Amino acid sequence: MSITRNMRFLAFSTIRPPRLASSLTKLLHEFCLISLALCVLFQCDGFALTYESGFDNVHRFDAHIEVYGGDKVVKVQFDSPYIKGLPTTIHIKQTVDGEYHETMRRITYEDSYTQEFCELWELVVSGRSVKTTISDAEEDLKIFQMIMQAGC
């Protein structure tokens, strides 16, 4: 089943700072001027998915996947791949019997790069097939193509 066939494109926006008076522009540059931001909201079967990308002058690494369900939000937070030993964390926000619960899980302190390298080793040694195929990569490219076409 193709993910692109089951996905409706809901929103797309590109934010670029408008031309402002020089004093206001200087003030914005001193605080938080967004140079470029891209936000996309997809409605899939049973859940919503966002894709955000951009850059600014805030020195940080922020990479995560967040899935919005009817009564649960699951966020997988990837810490910097450039610092060894920073774990991936899972943040779960949900309402259970009318009560709001927020939990954070850290499965391991092993970083994502090390886990992926160990997985690659297992695939080579055991001859097992990979989880993500070339067809999956083609579907990813179709999704990015949808995003780029909507922005033009």
Protein backbone atom coordinates (compact mmCIF):
# COMPACT_ATOMS: atom_id res chain seq x y z
CA MET A 1 0.00 0.00 0.00
CA SER A 2 1.45 3.31 -1.08
CA ILE A 3 1.66 5.96 1.61
CA THR A 4 1.35 8.74 -0.97
CA ARG A 5 -2.00 7.39 -2.16
CA ASN A 6 -3.40 7.45 1.39
CA MET A 7 -2.18 10.94 2.28
CA ARG A 8 -4.05 14.20 1.79
CA PHE A 9 -2.02 17.36 1.63
CA LEU A 10 -3.54 19.91 4.04
CA ALA A 11 -1.29 22.92 4.38
CA PHE A 12 1.93 24.39 3.10
CA SER A 13 3.56 27.67 3.96
CA THR A 14 6.89 29.29 3.35
CA ILE A 15 7.69 32.12 5.73
CA ARG A 16 10.09 34.78 4.59
CA PRO A 17 10.63 38.01 6.52
CA PRO A 18 9.01 41.03 4.86
CA ARG A 19 10.96 44.15 4.03
CA LEU A 20 10.83 46.29 7.15
CA ALA A 21 12.06 49.68 8.23
CA SER A 22 15.77 49.53 9.02
CA SER A 23 15.35 50.09 12.78
CA LEU A 24 12.76 47.30 13.08
CA THR A 25 14.86 45.03 10.88
CA LYS A 26 17.87 45.62 13.13
CA LEU A 27 15.77 44.83 16.20
CA LEU A 28 14.50 41.60 14.66
CA HIS A 29 18.02 40.55 13.70
CA GLU A 30 19.11 41.03 17.31
CA PHE A 31 16.38 38.70 18.58
CA CYS A 32 14.86 35.96 16.46
CA LEU A 33 14.55 36.48 12.74
CA ILE A 34 13.44 33.40 10.85
CA SER A 35 15.32 33.30 7.58
CA LEU A 36 13.32 30.48 6.04
CA ALA A 37 10.78 28.03 7.39
CA LEU A 38 8.74 25.29 5.76
CA CYS A 39 5.77 23.65 7.45
CA VAL A 40 3.65 20.91 5.93
CA LEU A 41 0.67 19.15 7.47
CA PHE A 42 -0.43 15.80 6.03
CA GLN A 43 -3.67 14.04 6.92
CA CYS A 44 -3.11 10.29 6.70
CA ASP A 45 -5.53 7.47 7.46
CA GLY A 46 -6.19 7.81 11.21
CA PHE A 47 -3.46 10.33 12.06
CA ALA A 48 -1.95 13.69 11.09
CA LEU A 49 1.72 14.20 10.31
CA THR A 50 3.80 17.39 10.18
CA TYR A 51 7.05 18.13 8.41
CA GLU A 52 8.97 21.23 9.43
CA SER A 53 12.28 22.42 8.13
CA GLY A 54 14.13 25.69 8.24
CA PHE A 55 17.09 27.62 9.45
CA ASP A 56 17.69 30.64 11.61
CA ASN A 57 20.45 32.06 13.77
CA VAL A 58 19.73 29.93 16.84
CA HIS A 59 22.56 27.41 17.29
CA ARG A 60 20.84 24.12 18.08
CA PHE A 61 20.05 20.71 16.65
CA ASP A 62 16.38 19.77 16.51
CA ALA A 63 15.21 16.67 14.72
CA HIS A 64 12.06 14.81 15.61
CA ILE A 65 9.10 12.93 14.20
CA GLU A 66 5.72 13.72 15.74
CA VAL A 67 2.52 11.81 15.01
CA TYR A 68 -0.86 13.19 16.10
CA GLY A 69 -3.61 10.64 16.76
CA GLY A 70 -7.13 11.16 18.07
CA ASP A 71 -6.21 10.84 21.74
CA LYS A 72 -2.42 10.42 21.65
CA VAL A 73 0.60 12.34 20.37
CA VAL A 74 3.88 10.44 19.99
CA LYS A 75 7.13 12.33 19.41
CA VAL A 76 10.46 10.64 18.67
CA GLN A 77 13.22 13.14 19.52
CA PHE A 78 16.65 12.63 17.95
CA ASP A 79 19.39 14.45 19.80
CA SER A 80 22.50 15.69 18.02
CA PRO A 81 24.16 12.99 15.92
CA TYR A 82 27.46 14.81 16.44
CA ILE A 83 27.72 14.02 20.15
CA LYS A 84 28.23 10.33 20.91
CA GLY A 85 25.98 8.80 23.51
CA LEU A 86 22.98 11.12 23.26
CA PRO A 87 19.96 8.82 23.23
CA THR A 88 16.77 9.02 21.20
CA THR A 89 13.79 9.74 23.43
CA ILE A 90 10.09 9.01 22.95
CA HIS A 91 7.59 11.53 24.32
CA ILE A 92 3.97 10.39 24.67
CA LYS A 93 1.10 12.77 25.41
CA GLN A 94 -2.33 11.24 25.83
CA THR A 95 -5.67 11.46 27.55
CA VAL A 96 -6.70 8.34 29.44
CA ASP A 97 -10.12 8.26 31.12
CA GLY A 98 -10.31 12.06 31.00
CA GLU A 99 -6.86 12.58 32.53
CA TYR A 100 -3.89 14.06 30.68
CA HIS A 101 -0.69 12.00 30.85
CA GLU A 102 2.74 12.91 29.56
CA THR A 103 5.57 10.38 29.62
CA MET A 104 9.09 10.22 28.28
CA ARG A 105 10.85 6.96 27.48
CA ARG A 106 14.53 6.43 26.89
CA ILE A 107 14.99 2.89 25.65
CA THR A 108 18.78 3.02 25.68
CA TYR A 109 21.67 5.41 26.15
CA GLU A 110 23.21 4.11 22.94
CA ASP A 111 23.12 6.78 20.24
CA SER A 112 21.26 6.35 16.93
CA TYR A 113 24.43 6.15 14.83
CA THR A 114 25.80 3.25 16.88
CA GLN A 115 22.44 1.44 16.72
CA GLU A 116 22.24 1.88 12.95
CA PHE A 117 25.82 0.68 12.48
CA CYS A 118 25.13 -2.44 14.59
CA GLU A 119 21.97 -3.07 12.54
CA LEU A 120 23.98 -2.79 9.32
CA TRP A 121 26.52 -5.27 10.70
CA GLU A 122 23.71 -7.74 11.51
CA LEU A 123 22.25 -7.36 8.02
CA VAL A 124 25.61 -8.04 6.35
CA VAL A 125 26.51 -10.97 8.61
CA SER A 126 23.10 -12.67 8.64
CA GLY A 127 22.09 -11.86 5.06
CA ARG A 128 18.75 -10.55 6.29
CA SER A 129 16.91 -8.03 4.08
CA VAL A 130 16.67 -4.37 5.06
CA LYS A 131 13.47 -2.87 6.50
CA THR A 132 13.58 0.19 4.24
CA THR A 133 13.70 -0.70 0.57
CA ILE A 134 14.40 1.24 -2.61
CA SER A 135 10.61 1.39 -3.13
CA ASP A 136 10.30 3.10 0.26
CA ALA A 137 12.91 5.65 -0.81
CA GLU A 138 10.96 6.27 -4.03
CA GLU A 139 7.82 6.92 -1.96
CA ASP A 140 9.79 9.41 0.16
CA LEU A 141 10.87 11.24 -2.99
CA LYS A 142 7.23 11.38 -4.16
CA ILE A 143 6.25 13.00 -0.87
CA PHE A 144 9.02 15.61 -1.20
CA GLN A 145 7.92 16.18 -4.80
CA MET A 146 4.36 16.86 -3.55
CA ILE A 147 5.74 19.38 -1.07
CA MET A 148 7.86 21.16 -3.67
CA GLN A 149 5.02 21.30 -6.22
CA ALA A 150 2.68 22.83 -3.64
CA GLY A 151 5.22 25.53 -2.83
CA CYS A 152 5.63 26.75 -6.40
